[in-house]
Protein backbone atom coordinates (compact mmCIF):
# COMPACT_ATOMS: atom_id res chain seq x y z
CA ASP A 1 -153.54 58.15 134.91
CA LYS A 2 -156.88 57.22 137.23
CA LEU A 3 -159.19 57.58 134.05
CA THR A 4 -156.90 55.45 131.94
CA SER A 5 -156.78 52.88 134.72
CA ASN A 6 -160.35 52.49 135.17
CA ASP A 7 -160.76 52.11 131.49
CA LYS A 8 -158.35 49.43 131.48
CA GLU A 9 -159.84 47.79 134.44
CA VAL A 10 -163.38 47.55 132.28
CA LEU A 11 -161.46 46.29 129.28
CA SER A 12 -159.68 43.29 131.25
CA ARG A 13 -162.74 42.33 133.53
CA ASP A 14 -164.68 42.37 130.08
CA SER A 15 -168.07 43.87 131.97
CA PRO A 16 -169.56 47.01 133.04
CA LEU A 17 -168.42 49.21 135.95
CA GLU A 18 -169.18 52.20 137.79
CA PHE A 19 -166.45 54.74 139.20
CA GLU A 20 -166.66 58.03 140.81
CA GLU A 21 -164.06 59.99 138.87
CA ILE A 22 -162.21 63.48 138.95
CA ALA A 23 -161.60 65.38 136.01
CA LYS A 24 -159.78 69.06 135.45
CA LEU A 25 -161.82 71.07 133.24
CA GLY A 26 -159.78 74.18 132.85
CA GLU A 27 -158.55 75.38 136.53
CA GLU A 28 -161.14 73.66 138.11
CA GLU A 29 -161.85 69.87 139.17
CA ARG A 30 -165.25 68.18 138.79
CA VAL A 31 -166.49 65.05 139.96
CA TYR A 32 -168.31 62.78 137.88
CA SER A 33 -170.26 59.32 138.56
CA SER A 34 -169.29 57.37 135.33
CA VAL A 35 -170.61 54.08 134.05
CA LYS A 36 -168.16 52.45 131.39
CA PHE A 37 -168.80 49.19 129.54
CA PRO A 38 -166.77 47.10 126.65
CA LEU A 39 -168.83 47.77 123.06
CA LYS A 40 -169.10 44.58 121.26
CA ASP A 41 -169.01 43.63 117.43
CA GLU A 42 -170.95 41.09 115.69
CA ALA A 43 -168.65 38.63 116.61
CA GLY A 44 -168.51 39.38 120.28
CA GLU A 45 -165.53 40.78 120.24
CA THR A 46 -164.73 43.88 122.11
CA CYS A 47 -164.26 47.05 119.66
CA ALA A 48 -164.62 50.07 121.49
CA LEU A 49 -164.69 51.19 125.39
CA CYS A 50 -168.22 53.39 125.94
CA GLY A 51 -168.98 55.47 128.87
CA ILE A 52 -171.73 57.55 130.40
CA SER A 53 -170.89 60.08 132.95
CA THR A 54 -172.78 62.47 135.42
CA ASP A 55 -171.28 65.92 137.15
CA ILE A 56 -171.94 65.16 140.60
CA THR A 57 -169.74 68.10 142.01
CA GLU A 58 -172.45 70.19 143.33
CA LYS A 59 -173.93 67.25 144.96
CA LYS A 60 -170.95 66.40 146.58
CA ASN A 61 -170.46 69.91 147.60
CA ALA A 62 -173.85 69.89 149.05
CA VAL A 63 -173.32 66.46 151.22
CA SER A 64 -170.04 67.72 152.57
CA ALA A 65 -171.45 70.85 153.29
CA LEU A 66 -174.36 69.08 155.35
CA ALA A 67 -171.86 66.69 156.92
CA LYS A 68 -170.14 69.78 158.42
CA LEU A 69 -172.95 71.68 159.52
CA ASN A 70 -174.15 68.61 161.30
CA ALA A 71 -170.72 68.06 162.96
CA ASP A 72 -170.86 71.62 164.27
CA LEU A 73 -174.52 71.45 165.64
CA GLU A 74 -173.42 67.74 167.44
CA ARG A 75 -170.81 69.81 168.86
CA ARG A 76 -172.93 72.62 170.08
CA VAL A 77 -175.16 70.03 171.91
CA GLU A 78 -172.80 68.20 173.75
């Protein structure tokens, strides 16, 4: 539903937008940085919705792990 909602927002604004989206691949959830944009025909009418997505799951996991380690270190210093 969220992916469809993002698509509709791009079409209603008629401009490119960037989203962080979660999608299930089998049993696993993956996180994507997505840029979506309307594709125009020669007459300037929207004829399709296009997007480019980059899987950032590992990056998000690494940032979370570093934040947790940092919080643990700060507690030990106090």
